[in-house]
Amino acid sequence: MERNIKFTRTAWDSRGGVTFLLDAGTGNSVTRLSGKVALITGGGTGIGRAIALAFAREGASVTVAGRRLEKLREVISEIQKHGGA
């Protein structure tokens, strides 16, 4: 069985080296924040909301905190609608 393996991205690691992420043809896209957890304060509006959505899009599990519950619920709903957690 031949697999179609290719490098999908490169990213700098914390030591200044290059990390190569692989897509082994599994149908799952490799994202920069896959397997990471992010806590976003002020995540209901403005920059916090944009960051929460961007981190979720990149594969992070996102937790949002803020003052207005309804705005936080809207962000959570949008993340879940696109398959995020």
N, C-alpha and C. Protein backbone atom coordinates (compact mmCIF):
# COMPACT_ATOMS: atom_id res chain seq x y z
N MET A 1 0.84 -1.17 0.00
CA MET A 1 0.00 0.00 0.00
C MET A 1 0.89 1.24 0.00
N GLU A 2 0.76 2.04 -1.02
CA GLU A 2 1.56 3.24 -1.14
C GLU A 2 0.81 4.42 -0.53
N ARG A 3 1.51 5.19 0.31
CA ARG A 3 0.90 6.37 0.92
C ARG A 3 1.44 7.62 0.28
N ASN A 4 0.58 8.57 0.12
CA ASN A 4 0.96 9.85 -0.45
C ASN A 4 1.30 10.80 0.70
N ILE A 5 2.57 10.85 1.09
CA ILE A 5 3.00 11.68 2.22
C ILE A 5 3.68 12.92 1.68
N LYS A 6 3.30 14.07 2.23
CA LYS A 6 3.93 15.31 1.80
C LYS A 6 4.06 16.25 3.00
N PHE A 7 5.02 17.14 2.92
CA PHE A 7 5.16 18.17 3.93
C PHE A 7 4.12 19.24 3.65
N THR A 8 3.30 19.57 4.66
CA THR A 8 2.26 20.56 4.43
C THR A 8 2.65 21.95 4.92
N ARG A 9 3.47 22.04 5.95
CA ARG A 9 3.88 23.33 6.50
C ARG A 9 5.20 23.16 7.23
N THR A 10 5.82 24.28 7.43
CA THR A 10 6.94 24.30 8.36
C THR A 10 6.63 25.35 9.40
N ALA A 11 7.13 25.15 10.59
CA ALA A 11 6.91 26.11 11.67
C ALA A 11 8.17 26.17 12.52
N TRP A 12 8.44 27.30 13.10
CA TRP A 12 9.59 27.45 13.98
C TRP A 12 9.22 26.93 15.35
N ASP A 13 10.07 26.10 15.93
CA ASP A 13 9.80 25.65 17.29
C ASP A 13 10.43 26.62 18.29
N SER A 14 10.23 26.37 19.57
CA SER A 14 10.67 27.31 20.60
C SER A 14 12.19 27.42 20.70
N ARG A 15 12.91 26.48 20.14
CA ARG A 15 14.37 26.52 20.18
C ARG A 15 14.96 27.11 18.90
N GLY A 16 14.12 27.62 18.03
CA GLY A 16 14.60 28.24 16.80
C GLY A 16 14.80 27.28 15.64
N GLY A 17 14.45 26.02 15.84
CA GLY A 17 14.58 25.03 14.76
C GLY A 17 13.32 24.95 13.94
N VAL A 18 13.37 24.19 12.90
CA VAL A 18 12.21 24.04 12.02
C VAL A 18 11.52 22.72 12.32
N THR A 19 10.22 22.76 12.45
CA THR A 19 9.41 21.57 12.64
C THR A 19 8.63 21.34 11.36
N PHE A 20 8.63 20.12 10.86
CA PHE A 20 7.88 19.78 9.66
C PHE A 20 6.64 19.01 10.07
N LEU A 21 5.50 19.43 9.61
CA LEU A 21 4.25 18.74 9.88
C LEU A 21 3.88 17.93 8.66
N LEU A 22 3.45 16.71 8.88
CA LEU A 22 3.15 15.82 7.77
C LEU A 22 1.66 15.61 7.59
N ASP A 23 1.27 15.44 6.36
CA ASP A 23 -0.07 15.00 6.02
C ASP A 23 0.11 13.64 5.36
N ALA A 24 -0.25 12.59 6.09
CA ALA A 24 -0.01 11.24 5.60
C ALA A 24 -1.17 10.71 4.77
N GLY A 25 -1.94 11.59 4.15
CA GLY A 25 -3.03 11.15 3.31
C GLY A 25 -4.20 10.59 4.10
N THR A 26 -4.32 10.98 5.37
CA THR A 26 -5.39 10.45 6.21
C THR A 26 -6.70 11.19 6.03
N GLY A 27 -6.67 12.29 5.31
CA GLY A 27 -7.88 13.08 5.15
C GLY A 27 -8.02 14.14 6.22
N ASN A 28 -7.18 14.08 7.23
CA ASN A 28 -7.20 15.10 8.28
C ASN A 28 -6.17 16.17 7.95
N SER A 29 -6.58 17.41 8.01
CA SER A 29 -5.63 18.46 7.72
C SER A 29 -4.76 18.71 8.96
N VAL A 30 -3.52 19.03 8.73
CA VAL A 30 -2.59 19.33 9.81
C VAL A 30 -2.62 20.83 10.04
N THR A 31 -2.85 21.22 11.27
CA THR A 31 -2.90 22.64 11.57
C THR A 31 -1.86 22.99 12.62
N ARG A 32 -1.50 24.24 12.68
CA ARG A 32 -0.42 24.68 13.56
C ARG A 32 -0.71 24.50 15.04
N LEU A 33 -1.97 24.58 15.44
CA LEU A 33 -2.29 24.53 16.87
C LEU A 33 -3.01 23.24 17.26
N SER A 34 -2.97 22.26 16.41
CA SER A 34 -3.61 20.98 16.70
C SER A 34 -3.05 20.40 17.99
N GLY A 35 -3.94 19.98 18.90
CA GLY A 35 -3.52 19.40 20.16
C GLY A 35 -3.21 20.42 21.25
N LYS A 36 -3.35 21.69 20.95
CA LYS A 36 -3.09 22.75 21.93
C LYS A 36 -4.40 23.25 22.52
N VAL A 37 -4.31 23.84 23.71
CA VAL A 37 -5.47 24.43 24.38
C VAL A 37 -5.19 25.92 24.56
N ALA A 38 -6.17 26.76 24.23
CA ALA A 38 -6.02 28.20 24.37
C ALA A 38 -7.12 28.76 25.26
N LEU A 39 -6.75 29.62 26.19
CA LEU A 39 -7.71 30.36 27.01
C LEU A 39 -7.65 31.80 26.54
N ILE A 40 -8.74 32.28 25.98
CA ILE A 40 -8.80 33.63 25.43
C ILE A 40 -9.66 34.49 26.34
N THR A 41 -9.06 35.51 26.95
CA THR A 41 -9.84 36.45 27.76
C THR A 41 -10.34 37.56 26.84
N GLY A 42 -11.52 38.07 27.15
CA GLY A 42 -12.13 39.07 26.27
C GLY A 42 -12.54 38.44 24.95
N GLY A 43 -12.89 37.16 24.98
CA GLY A 43 -13.16 36.41 23.76
C GLY A 43 -14.52 36.63 23.15
N GLY A 44 -15.36 37.45 23.75
CA GLY A 44 -16.70 37.66 23.22
C GLY A 44 -16.79 38.70 22.13
N THR A 45 -15.85 39.63 22.10
CA THR A 45 -15.92 40.74 21.13
C THR A 45 -14.51 41.15 20.69
N GLY A 46 -14.47 41.91 19.64
CA GLY A 46 -13.23 42.56 19.20
C GLY A 46 -12.08 41.62 18.89
N ILE A 47 -10.90 42.04 19.32
CA ILE A 47 -9.69 41.27 19.05
C ILE A 47 -9.74 39.89 19.70
N GLY A 48 -10.26 39.81 20.92
CA GLY A 48 -10.37 38.52 21.60
C GLY A 48 -11.21 37.53 20.81
N ARG A 49 -12.32 38.01 20.26
CA ARG A 49 -13.18 37.16 19.44
C ARG A 49 -12.44 36.70 18.20
N ALA A 50 -11.77 37.61 17.54
CA ALA A 50 -11.03 37.26 16.32
C ALA A 50 -9.93 36.23 16.61
N ILE A 51 -9.24 36.41 17.74
CA ILE A 51 -8.19 35.46 18.10
C ILE A 51 -8.79 34.09 18.42
N ALA A 52 -9.90 34.06 19.15
CA ALA A 52 -10.55 32.79 19.48
C ALA A 52 -10.95 32.04 18.22
N LEU A 53 -11.53 32.74 17.27
CA LEU A 53 -11.94 32.10 16.02
C LEU A 53 -10.73 31.63 15.21
N ALA A 54 -9.68 32.44 15.17
CA ALA A 54 -8.47 32.07 14.42
C ALA A 54 -7.79 30.86 15.04
N PHE A 55 -7.67 30.84 16.37
CA PHE A 55 -7.04 29.71 17.05
C PHE A 55 -7.85 28.43 16.82
N ALA A 56 -9.17 28.54 16.89
CA ALA A 56 -10.01 27.36 16.65
C ALA A 56 -9.84 26.87 15.22
N ARG A 57 -9.76 27.79 14.28
CA ARG A 57 -9.58 27.43 12.87
C ARG A 57 -8.25 26.70 12.65
N GLU A 58 -7.26 27.04 13.47
CA GLU A 58 -5.94 26.40 13.38
C GLU A 58 -5.85 25.12 14.19
N GLY A 59 -6.96 24.68 14.80
CA GLY A 59 -6.99 23.38 15.44
C GLY A 59 -6.92 23.37 16.95
N ALA A 60 -6.79 24.52 17.60
CA ALA A 60 -6.72 24.56 19.07
C ALA A 60 -8.09 24.31 19.68
N SER A 61 -8.09 23.73 20.87
CA SER A 61 -9.30 23.68 21.68
C SER A 61 -9.35 25.02 22.40
N VAL A 62 -10.42 25.76 22.23
CA VAL A 62 -10.48 27.14 22.70
C VAL A 62 -11.48 27.28 23.85
N THR A 63 -11.05 27.99 24.90
CA THR A 63 -11.92 28.40 25.99
C THR A 63 -11.95 29.92 25.97
N VAL A 64 -13.15 30.49 26.01
CA VAL A 64 -13.27 31.95 26.01
C VAL A 64 -13.82 32.43 27.35
N ALA A 65 -13.33 33.57 27.77
CA ALA A 65 -13.80 34.20 29.01
C ALA A 65 -14.08 35.67 28.71
N GLY A 66 -15.04 36.23 29.41
CA GLY A 66 -15.37 37.64 29.20
C GLY A 66 -16.50 38.06 30.10
N ARG A 67 -16.94 39.30 29.94
CA ARG A 67 -17.96 39.86 30.82
C ARG A 67 -19.38 39.63 30.35
N ARG A 68 -19.59 39.49 29.05
CA ARG A 68 -20.96 39.37 28.52
C ARG A 68 -21.22 37.96 28.03
N LEU A 69 -22.02 37.23 28.81
CA LEU A 69 -22.29 35.83 28.54
C LEU A 69 -22.88 35.60 27.16
N GLU A 70 -23.80 36.43 26.73
CA GLU A 70 -24.44 36.24 25.43
C GLU A 70 -23.42 36.32 24.29
N LYS A 71 -22.49 37.26 24.36
CA LYS A 71 -21.45 37.38 23.33
C LYS A 71 -20.54 36.16 23.33
N LEU A 72 -20.23 35.64 24.52
CA LEU A 72 -19.39 34.44 24.62
C LEU A 72 -20.10 33.25 24.00
N ARG A 73 -21.40 33.14 24.26
CA ARG A 73 -22.18 32.04 23.68
C ARG A 73 -22.20 32.12 22.15
N GLU A 74 -22.24 33.32 21.61
CA GLU A 74 -22.22 33.49 20.15
C GLU A 74 -20.90 32.99 19.56
N VAL A 75 -19.79 33.32 20.22
CA VAL A 75 -18.48 32.88 19.75
C VAL A 75 -18.37 31.36 19.84
N ILE A 76 -18.80 30.80 20.96
CA ILE A 76 -18.76 29.34 21.14
C ILE A 76 -19.60 28.65 20.06
N SER A 77 -20.76 29.19 19.79
CA SER A 77 -21.64 28.62 18.77
C SER A 77 -20.97 28.66 17.39
N GLU A 78 -20.32 29.76 17.08
CA GLU A 78 -19.65 29.88 15.79
C GLU A 78 -18.48 28.90 15.66
N ILE A 79 -17.72 28.74 16.74
CA ILE A 79 -16.62 27.78 16.73
C ILE A 79 -17.15 26.36 16.53
N GLN A 80 -18.20 26.00 17.26
CA GLN A 80 -18.77 24.66 17.15
C GLN A 80 -19.40 24.42 15.78
N LYS A 81 -19.99 25.46 15.21
CA LYS A 81 -20.62 25.34 13.90
C LYS A 81 -19.60 24.94 12.82
N HIS A 82 -18.37 25.37 13.00
CA HIS A 82 -17.31 25.05 12.04
C HIS A 82 -16.50 23.84 12.47
N GLY A 83 -17.00 23.08 13.44
CA GLY A 83 -16.35 21.84 13.84
C GLY A 83 -15.29 21.97 14.90
N GLY A 84 -15.17 23.14 15.52
CA GLY A 84 -14.17 23.35 16.55
C GLY A 84 -14.65 22.89 17.91
N ALA A 85 -13.73 22.92 18.85
CA ALA A 85 -14.04 22.50 20.21
C ALA A 85 -13.65 23.58 21.19
